[in-house]
């Protein structure tokens, strides 16, 4: 009686052990497959804070590029209009094309520290007088850029016609800031100035001291013009936007590699797929 029960007990124990072991083997892949996706919540929250910021900066640069493009279109439309006689001008606006008939005076200044293609030089500011029905008017003309010589103590020669000339250009505002005492107010003609300001314009008794005229390239008395119409071009804003978006993409990759278990999950799926194929 006892001998017959022992094999049955052993068989039951063996069956029970086998079932338990099999269940453990089945449960192990299930636990492995349930690995949490997020490994570091603090780092994830930090990345989540910076990601929309980077996207916002990129979108802001794209908006700035659109604004600059619209400004350039407006400038092109205004500059392409026919120049108006300065005596017939009713309203002064930036980039309004104008035409003047008159002559240059001997009052000119060297606007210092101006560059063209990496070379330093001066922009020449010279007074131009016109005669109209209302009398004589005086305007300050920016004739363009002259290269500086190797000797800073020697200024380049400024040639100008003595006879009456017709010049064309566009209006540009004079900065309303004034230099410190002893700045442009004490500088005589043919001298260097560091900036065109209201003090110099008032001192020259201009007809409209808040405006000066930049010569167009087709004026025969113009030097090198190549005027910079906007400080930053749309292409540069597009480049800045690309940098911000690239940083946002790099942040996502960094988050996936350092704050998640994505590599472990992908590896486990690959092992399961390989096991099924074998």
Protein backbone atom coordinates (compact mmCIF):
# COMPACT_ATOMS: atom_id res chain seq x y z
CA UNK A 1 0.00 0.00 0.00
CA UNK A 2 2.78 2.34 0.87
CA UNK A 3 4.92 1.33 -2.12
CA UNK A 4 2.10 2.10 -4.58
CA UNK A 5 1.59 5.59 -3.24
CA UNK A 6 5.24 6.59 -3.50
CA UNK A 7 5.53 6.49 -7.33
CA UNK A 8 2.28 8.40 -7.63
CA UNK A 9 3.56 11.05 -5.22
CA UNK A 10 6.81 11.29 -7.13
CA UNK A 11 5.00 11.57 -10.43
CA UNK A 12 2.76 14.29 -8.98
CA UNK A 13 5.75 16.14 -7.60
CA UNK A 14 7.54 15.85 -10.91
CA UNK A 15 4.46 17.04 -12.78
CA UNK A 16 4.05 19.90 -10.38
CA UNK A 17 7.72 20.88 -10.71
CA UNK A 18 7.60 20.73 -14.48
CA UNK A 19 4.48 22.83 -14.66
CA UNK A 20 5.89 25.41 -12.30
CA UNK A 21 9.15 25.58 -14.22
CA UNK A 22 7.31 25.88 -17.49
CA UNK A 23 5.13 28.64 -16.10
CA UNK A 24 8.23 30.48 -14.94
CA UNK A 25 9.76 30.18 -18.40
CA UNK A 26 6.58 31.56 -19.94
CA UNK A 27 6.38 34.43 -17.50
CA UNK A 28 9.99 35.55 -17.94
CA UNK A 29 9.63 36.98 -21.49
CA UNK A 30 6.44 38.69 -20.37
CA UNK A 31 8.26 40.53 -17.59
CA UNK A 32 11.14 41.36 -19.95
CA UNK A 33 8.74 42.80 -22.50
CA UNK A 34 7.18 45.09 -19.93
CA UNK A 35 10.31 47.25 -19.45
CA UNK A 36 9.35 50.89 -18.74
CA UNK A 37 9.94 53.25 -21.67
CA UNK A 38 11.05 56.23 -19.51
CA UNK A 39 14.25 55.59 -17.59
CA UNK A 40 14.95 59.09 -16.20
CA UNK A 41 11.99 61.34 -15.45
CA UNK A 42 14.04 64.39 -14.35
CA UNK A 43 16.00 64.38 -17.62
CA UNK A 44 12.79 63.84 -19.58
CA UNK A 45 11.13 66.83 -17.92
CA UNK A 46 14.20 68.96 -18.62
CA UNK A 47 14.16 68.00 -22.30
CA UNK A 48 10.43 68.63 -22.44
CA UNK A 49 11.02 72.18 -21.21
CA UNK A 50 13.75 72.97 -23.74
CA UNK A 51 12.18 71.32 -26.80
CA UNK A 52 9.28 73.78 -27.29
CA UNK A 53 11.66 76.65 -26.55
CA UNK A 54 13.95 75.60 -29.41
CA UNK A 55 11.01 75.16 -31.75
CA UNK A 56 9.69 78.59 -30.77
CA UNK A 57 13.03 80.24 -31.49
CA UNK A 58 13.17 78.57 -34.90
CA UNK A 59 9.65 79.73 -35.77
CA UNK A 60 10.51 83.24 -34.56
CA UNK A 61 13.47 83.37 -36.95
CA UNK A 62 11.21 82.26 -39.81
CA UNK A 63 8.80 85.08 -38.96
CA UNK A 64 11.69 87.55 -38.88
CA UNK A 65 12.76 86.32 -42.33
CA UNK A 66 9.24 86.94 -43.66
CA UNK A 67 9.23 90.44 -42.17
CA UNK A 68 12.60 91.29 -43.72
CA UNK A 69 11.45 89.91 -47.07
CA UNK A 70 8.38 92.15 -46.94
CA UNK A 71 10.57 95.15 -46.06
CA UNK A 72 12.80 94.41 -49.05
CA UNK A 73 9.77 94.17 -51.33
CA UNK A 74 8.52 97.53 -50.07
CA UNK A 75 11.97 99.07 -50.58
CA UNK A 76 12.23 97.67 -54.11
CA UNK A 77 8.78 99.01 -54.98
CA UNK A 78 9.66 102.48 -53.64
CA UNK A 79 13.09 102.65 -55.24
CA UNK A 80 11.73 101.52 -58.61
CA UNK A 81 9.44 104.56 -58.75
CA UNK A 82 10.42 107.61 -60.78
CA UNK A 83 12.52 110.11 -58.82
CA UNK A 84 10.59 113.19 -57.77
CA UNK A 85 11.96 116.72 -57.86
CA UNK A 86 13.05 117.63 -54.37
CA UNK A 87 11.13 120.92 -54.62
CA UNK A 88 7.92 119.04 -55.43
CA UNK A 89 8.24 116.55 -52.58
CA UNK A 90 5.21 116.78 -50.31
CA UNK A 91 6.02 114.08 -47.76
CA UNK A 92 9.45 112.76 -46.83
CA UNK A 93 9.67 108.97 -46.45
CA UNK A 94 12.63 106.65 -46.18
CA UNK A 95 13.80 105.35 -49.59
CA UNK A 96 11.77 107.94 -51.50
CA UNK A 97 13.70 108.51 -54.78
CA UNK A 98 14.49 112.17 -55.48
CA UNK A 99 16.22 114.22 -58.16
CA UNK A 100 18.10 117.46 -57.53
CA UNK A 101 19.60 120.10 -59.80
CA UNK A 102 22.32 122.20 -58.23
CA UNK A 103 25.99 122.19 -57.27
CA UNK A 104 28.27 120.79 -54.59
CA UNK A 105 29.81 123.12 -52.06
CA UNK A 106 33.25 122.69 -50.52
CA UNK A 107 31.70 121.42 -47.28
CA UNK A 108 32.36 117.72 -47.04
CA UNK A 109 33.19 115.28 -44.26
CA UNK A 110 34.74 111.82 -43.97
CA UNK A 111 32.41 109.38 -42.18
CA UNK A 112 34.96 107.08 -40.59
CA UNK A 113 35.12 103.30 -40.11
CA UNK A 114 32.99 102.26 -43.11
CA UNK A 115 33.75 98.97 -44.82
CA UNK A 116 33.11 97.50 -48.25
CA UNK A 117 34.11 93.88 -48.99
CA UNK A 118 36.27 93.76 -45.90
CA UNK A 119 38.18 96.98 -46.68
CA UNK A 120 38.04 100.00 -44.41
CA UNK A 121 37.36 103.47 -45.72
CA UNK A 122 35.10 106.50 -45.49
CA UNK A 123 31.69 107.55 -46.70
CA UNK A 124 31.77 111.09 -48.08
CA UNK A 125 29.09 113.47 -46.82
CA UNK A 126 28.89 116.68 -48.86
CA UNK A 127 26.52 119.65 -48.93
CA UNK A 128 24.56 120.18 -52.16
CA UNK A 129 22.74 123.45 -52.90
CA UNK A 130 19.77 123.87 -55.20
CA UNK A 131 17.89 126.92 -56.47
CA UNK A 132 14.11 126.70 -56.57
CA UNK A 133 11.20 129.07 -56.73
CA UNK A 134 11.22 129.35 -52.95
CA UNK A 135 14.92 130.20 -52.83
CA UNK A 136 18.12 128.31 -52.20
CA UNK A 137 18.00 124.97 -50.36
CA UNK A 138 20.78 122.95 -48.80
CA UNK A 139 20.90 119.16 -48.62
CA UNK A 140 23.45 116.75 -47.19
CA UNK A 141 24.46 114.10 -49.74
CA UNK A 142 26.12 110.78 -48.97
CA UNK A 143 28.13 110.23 -52.12
CA UNK A 144 29.28 106.73 -51.18
CA UNK A 145 32.46 105.03 -50.06
CA UNK A 146 36.14 105.77 -50.65
CA UNK A 147 38.92 103.38 -49.63
CA UNK A 148 41.33 104.49 -46.93
CA UNK A 149 45.04 104.58 -47.70
CA UNK A 150 47.77 102.76 -45.85
CA UNK A 151 48.53 105.97 -43.93
CA UNK A 152 45.65 106.81 -41.62
CA UNK A 153 47.02 110.33 -41.26
CA UNK A 154 46.38 111.10 -44.92
CA UNK A 155 42.78 111.31 -46.09
CA UNK A 156 41.84 110.38 -49.68
CA UNK A 157 41.18 113.20 -52.12
CA UNK A 158 37.53 114.05 -52.81
CA UNK A 159 36.85 115.25 -56.34
CA UNK A 160 33.61 117.01 -57.22
CA UNK A 161 32.36 119.03 -60.19
CA UNK A 162 32.15 122.81 -59.93
CA UNK A 163 29.39 123.13 -62.50
CA UNK A 164 25.72 122.45 -61.88
CA UNK A 165 24.76 118.78 -61.86
CA UNK A 166 21.64 116.65 -61.74
CA UNK A 167 21.91 113.97 -59.07
CA UNK A 168 19.52 111.18 -58.08
CA UNK A 169 19.28 109.29 -54.84
CA UNK A 170 16.88 108.38 -52.07
CA UNK A 171 15.96 109.92 -48.73
CA UNK A 172 17.37 108.42 -45.56
CA UNK A 173 16.83 109.69 -42.02
CA UNK A 174 19.53 111.34 -39.95
CA UNK A 175 19.87 109.63 -36.55
CA UNK A 176 18.39 111.92 -33.93
CA UNK A 177 21.00 111.00 -31.35
CA UNK A 178 23.74 113.53 -30.66
CA UNK A 179 27.33 112.81 -29.79
CA UNK A 180 28.92 113.84 -26.54
CA UNK A 181 30.13 117.40 -26.08
CA UNK A 182 33.08 118.18 -28.30
CA UNK A 183 31.98 115.70 -30.99
CA UNK A 184 30.72 116.76 -34.43
CA UNK A 185 29.88 120.27 -33.26
CA UNK A 186 33.57 121.21 -33.31
CA UNK A 187 34.65 119.42 -36.49
CA UNK A 188 35.45 121.58 -39.50
CA UNK A 189 34.78 120.51 -43.12
CA UNK A 190 37.27 118.05 -44.64
CA UNK A 191 37.58 116.35 -41.24
CA UNK A 192 36.68 112.91 -39.90
CA UNK A 193 33.42 112.23 -38.12
CA UNK A 194 32.43 109.03 -36.36
CA UNK A 195 28.72 109.23 -37.10
CA UNK A 196 26.16 111.38 -38.83
CA UNK A 197 24.01 112.91 -36.12
CA UNK A 198 21.53 115.72 -35.51
CA UNK A 199 24.22 118.05 -34.16
CA UNK A 200 26.13 118.04 -37.44
CA UNK A 201 22.95 118.37 -39.52
CA UNK A 202 21.77 121.38 -37.49
CA UNK A 203 25.16 123.02 -37.73
CA UNK A 204 25.13 122.85 -41.54
CA UNK A 205 21.82 124.78 -41.80
CA UNK A 206 20.20 122.14 -43.95
CA UNK A 207 16.74 122.64 -45.40
CA UNK A 208 15.57 119.45 -43.70
CA UNK A 209 18.07 118.56 -41.04
CA UNK A 210 16.35 115.28 -40.18
CA UNK A 211 17.03 113.83 -43.65
CA UNK A 212 19.97 113.27 -45.95
CA UNK A 213 20.22 111.79 -49.43
CA UNK A 214 22.14 108.69 -50.41
CA UNK A 215 23.23 108.78 -54.04
CA UNK A 216 22.08 106.05 -56.37
CA UNK A 217 24.70 104.04 -58.21
CA UNK A 218 23.83 105.59 -61.60
CA UNK A 219 24.72 109.11 -60.43
CA UNK A 220 27.98 110.16 -62.10
CA UNK A 221 29.18 111.86 -58.91
CA UNK A 222 28.68 108.75 -56.77
CA UNK A 223 31.55 106.75 -55.37
CA UNK A 224 31.06 103.10 -54.31
CA UNK A 225 27.47 102.87 -53.06
CA UNK A 226 26.41 99.26 -52.33
CA UNK A 227 24.02 100.46 -49.64
CA UNK A 228 22.99 98.01 -46.94
CA UNK A 229 19.21 98.35 -46.92
CA UNK A 230 18.55 95.97 -44.01
CA UNK A 231 20.90 94.94 -41.22
CA UNK A 232 20.15 91.20 -41.46
CA UNK A 233 19.01 89.60 -44.71
CA UNK A 234 16.23 86.97 -44.84
CA UNK A 235 18.73 84.26 -45.78
CA UNK A 236 20.56 84.79 -42.51
CA UNK A 237 17.34 84.42 -40.53
CA UNK A 238 16.67 81.15 -42.39
CA UNK A 239 20.12 79.98 -41.36
CA UNK A 240 19.41 80.83 -37.72
CA UNK A 241 16.09 78.96 -37.91
CA UNK A 242 17.85 75.88 -39.30
CA UNK A 243 20.27 75.98 -36.38
CA UNK A 244 17.46 76.10 -33.79
CA UNK A 245 15.55 73.26 -35.46
CA UNK A 246 18.74 71.19 -35.66
CA UNK A 247 19.29 71.71 -31.94
CA UNK A 248 15.70 70.57 -31.28
CA UNK A 249 16.30 67.41 -33.32
CA UNK A 250 19.56 66.73 -31.49
CA UNK A 251 17.74 67.16 -28.17
CA UNK A 252 15.19 64.50 -29.14
CA UNK A 253 17.96 62.06 -30.07
CA UNK A 254 19.80 62.80 -26.84
CA UNK A 255 16.61 62.22 -24.83
CA UNK A 256 15.95 58.88 -26.52
CA UNK A 257 19.49 57.65 -25.84
CA UNK A 258 19.91 58.87 -22.25
CA UNK A 259 16.47 59.12 -20.65
CA UNK A 260 14.62 56.14 -22.17
CA UNK A 261 15.03 52.37 -22.54
CA UNK A 262 14.41 52.50 -26.26
CA UNK A 263 17.63 50.62 -27.06
CA UNK A 264 16.75 47.80 -24.64
CA UNK A 265 13.22 47.53 -26.01
CA UNK A 266 14.43 47.43 -29.62
CA UNK A 267 17.02 44.79 -28.71
CA UNK A 268 14.40 42.59 -27.02
CA UNK A 269 12.07 42.81 -29.99
CA UNK A 270 14.92 41.85 -32.28
CA UNK A 271 15.76 38.81 -30.11
CA UNK A 272 12.10 37.72 -30.08
CA UNK A 273 11.89 38.04 -33.85
CA UNK A 274 15.10 36.04 -34.26
CA UNK A 275 13.85 33.33 -31.85
CA UNK A 276 10.62 32.94 -33.82
CA UNK A 277 12.50 32.55 -37.07
CA UNK A 278 14.72 29.83 -35.60
